[in-house]
Amino acid sequence: MTYDCAWKLDQGRDVRLEISMIKSYEPSISQAISQAGDR
């Protein structure tokens, strides 16, 4: 999702909606990855 948003931004497209979604989703996925690494 992040790479797709970066690609769209490079193409000059409006990515405000995607950025908002990434900002709300990222903390939960980062926590899940961190917890999986602790196992």
Protein backbone atom coordinates (compact mmCIF):
# COMPACT_ATOMS: atom_id res chain seq x y z
CA MET A 1 0.00 0.00 0.00
CA THR A 2 2.82 2.38 0.88
CA TYR A 3 4.75 1.65 -2.32
CA ASP A 4 1.61 2.14 -4.42
CA CYS A 5 1.02 5.49 -2.73
CA ALA A 6 4.62 6.53 -3.35
CA TRP A 7 4.32 5.57 -7.02
CA LYS A 8 1.10 7.59 -7.39
CA LEU A 9 2.78 10.56 -5.71
CA ASP A 10 5.69 10.32 -8.17
CA GLN A 11 3.15 10.35 -11.00
CA GLY A 12 1.73 13.61 -9.66
CA ARG A 13 -1.57 12.08 -8.56
CA ASP A 14 -3.59 13.11 -5.51
CA VAL A 15 -2.78 10.67 -2.70
CA ARG A 16 -4.35 12.37 0.31
CA LEU A 17 -6.89 9.59 0.87
CA GLU A 18 -4.25 6.85 0.60
CA ILE A 19 -1.94 8.70 2.99
CA SER A 20 -4.74 8.94 5.55
CA MET A 21 -5.45 5.21 5.26
CA ILE A 22 -1.77 4.34 5.64
CA LYS A 23 -1.42 6.58 8.69
CA SER A 24 -4.32 4.84 10.42
CA TYR A 25 -3.27 1.29 9.42
CA GLU A 26 0.50 1.47 9.94
CA PRO A 27 0.65 1.48 13.78
CA SER A 28 -1.41 -1.71 14.06
CA ILE A 29 0.61 -3.62 11.46
CA SER A 30 3.90 -2.43 12.99
CA GLN A 31 2.79 -3.70 16.39
CA ALA A 32 1.76 -7.08 14.94
CA ILE A 33 5.13 -7.48 13.21
CA SER A 34 6.98 -6.53 16.39
CA GLN A 35 5.00 -9.03 18.46
CA ALA A 36 5.58 -11.77 15.89
CA GLY A 37 9.31 -11.13 16.11
CA ASP A 38 9.24 -11.56 19.89
CA ARG A 39 7.90 -15.10 19.64
